[in-house]
Protein backbone atom coordinates (compact mmCIF):
# COMPACT_ATOMS: atom_id res chain seq x y z
CA UNK A 1 89.39 116.35 77.48
CA UNK A 2 91.30 114.32 80.07
CA UNK A 3 88.89 115.38 82.83
CA UNK A 4 85.94 114.41 80.70
CA UNK A 5 87.52 111.00 80.05
CA UNK A 6 88.19 110.46 83.76
CA UNK A 7 84.64 111.53 84.71
CA UNK A 8 83.15 109.28 82.05
CA UNK A 9 85.18 106.28 83.20
CA UNK A 10 84.25 106.90 86.84
CA UNK A 11 80.57 107.09 85.92
CA UNK A 12 80.69 103.90 83.86
CA UNK A 13 82.56 101.96 86.51
CA UNK A 14 80.46 103.27 89.39
CA UNK A 15 77.41 101.87 87.68
CA UNK A 16 79.21 98.50 87.54
CA UNK A 17 79.04 98.34 83.79
CA UNK A 18 81.47 95.81 82.43
CA UNK A 19 82.88 95.88 78.99
CA UNK A 20 85.57 97.49 76.97
CA UNK A 21 87.00 100.85 77.91
CA UNK A 22 89.14 102.96 75.62
CA UNK A 23 91.96 105.01 77.11
CA UNK A 24 94.10 107.60 75.36
CA UNK A 25 97.83 106.94 75.26
CA UNK A 26 99.59 109.22 77.78
CA UNK A 27 96.41 110.31 79.59
CA UNK A 28 95.67 109.74 83.27
CA UNK A 29 93.10 107.01 83.91
CA UNK A 30 91.04 106.44 87.04
CA UNK A 31 89.13 103.18 87.45
CA UNK A 32 86.59 102.97 90.25
CA UNK A 33 84.03 100.35 91.14
CA UNK A 34 82.10 102.79 93.30
CA UNK A 35 83.20 101.17 96.55
CA UNK A 36 86.54 100.63 98.34
CA UNK A 37 88.77 97.74 97.30
CA UNK A 38 92.10 96.64 98.79
CA UNK A 39 93.82 95.45 95.63
CA UNK A 40 93.57 95.44 91.85
CA UNK A 41 94.45 92.65 89.47
CA UNK A 42 95.14 92.84 85.77
CA UNK A 43 95.86 90.26 83.10
CA UNK A 44 98.27 91.48 80.43
CA UNK A 45 99.19 89.11 77.60
CA UNK A 46 97.78 86.22 79.64
CA UNK A 47 99.91 87.00 82.72
CA UNK A 48 98.29 87.98 86.02
CA UNK A 49 99.62 91.02 87.91
CA UNK A 50 98.43 92.47 91.20
CA UNK A 51 98.73 95.79 93.04
CA UNK A 52 97.87 96.33 96.71
CA UNK A 53 96.70 99.46 98.46
CA UNK A 54 99.17 100.99 100.93
CA UNK A 55 98.17 100.30 104.55
CA UNK A 56 100.07 100.05 107.82
CA UNK A 57 100.45 96.32 107.05
CA UNK A 58 101.42 96.87 103.38
CA UNK A 59 104.36 99.27 103.45
CA UNK A 60 105.23 101.80 100.75
CA UNK A 61 107.87 99.51 99.20
CA UNK A 62 105.23 96.79 98.70
CA UNK A 63 102.50 98.88 97.07
CA UNK A 64 102.10 101.27 94.12
CA UNK A 65 103.59 98.74 91.71
CA UNK A 66 102.39 95.77 89.71
CA UNK A 67 103.86 92.41 90.73
CA UNK A 68 103.51 89.03 89.05
CA UNK A 69 102.47 85.80 90.76
CA UNK A 70 106.03 85.18 91.96
CA UNK A 71 106.37 88.67 93.51
CA UNK A 72 108.59 90.19 90.80
CA UNK A 73 107.90 93.85 90.01
CA UNK A 74 106.59 94.07 86.44
CA UNK A 75 105.07 97.57 86.25
CA UNK A 76 105.02 101.06 87.76
CA UNK A 77 103.21 104.33 87.21
CA UNK A 78 99.99 103.46 89.01
CA UNK A 79 98.62 103.63 92.53
CA UNK A 80 95.51 102.85 94.54
CA UNK A 81 93.84 105.72 96.36
CA UNK A 82 92.55 105.14 99.92
CA UNK A 83 89.01 104.96 98.47
CA UNK A 84 90.04 102.04 96.22
CA UNK A 85 90.31 103.89 92.91
CA UNK A 86 93.08 102.67 90.64
CA UNK A 87 95.01 105.57 89.12
CA UNK A 88 97.30 105.07 86.11
CA UNK A 89 99.29 108.31 85.78
CA UNK A 90 100.17 107.97 82.08
CA UNK A 91 98.52 105.18 80.13
CA UNK A 92 100.87 103.14 77.94
CA UNK A 93 100.18 100.36 75.45
CA UNK A 94 101.50 97.94 78.10
CA UNK A 95 98.48 98.84 80.28
CA UNK A 96 96.01 97.26 77.85
CA UNK A 97 94.35 94.20 79.38
CA UNK A 98 91.63 93.01 81.73
CA UNK A 99 91.27 94.73 85.12
CA UNK A 100 89.36 93.47 88.15
CA UNK A 101 89.65 93.23 91.90
CA UNK A 102 90.02 90.02 93.88
CA UNK A 103 87.51 91.59 96.28
CA UNK A 104 84.71 91.16 93.69
CA UNK A 105 85.56 87.92 91.88
CA UNK A 106 81.97 86.69 92.17
CA UNK A 107 80.62 89.58 90.08
CA UNK A 108 81.67 89.39 86.39
CA UNK A 109 80.40 92.94 85.82
CA UNK A 110 83.47 94.24 87.66
CA UNK A 111 85.88 93.13 84.93
CA UNK A 112 87.04 95.94 82.67
CA UNK A 113 88.86 95.30 79.40
CA UNK A 114 91.12 98.26 78.71
CA UNK A 115 92.09 99.18 75.15
CA UNK A 116 94.72 101.89 74.61
CA UNK A 117 94.51 104.16 71.58
CA UNK A 118 96.48 107.05 70.17
CA UNK A 119 94.66 110.39 70.01
């Protein structure tokens, strides 16, 4: 079931379809836009958070976590793969919100609204 969910979400995102996605509480979630991105942004309860991909310039201690606009760590449990896919290891209710990448701000189809549901 989890693999089917991940495949479905990859297919939907790769085709640049915007809209509302439903994720199962506790499942792994992979969000991909079908091309590499260097960072992901999400808005949770009206507050912007950002995560950067690990690179030689962005060291391990500065990636794989959500930070707010002032640089405070506000979330963990996710990472960005080298190909730009955002991976949330175990979806929680706190992950519900709008996801996008600053790399594609000009294209509104790249905004994904994530809704978290119980099984």
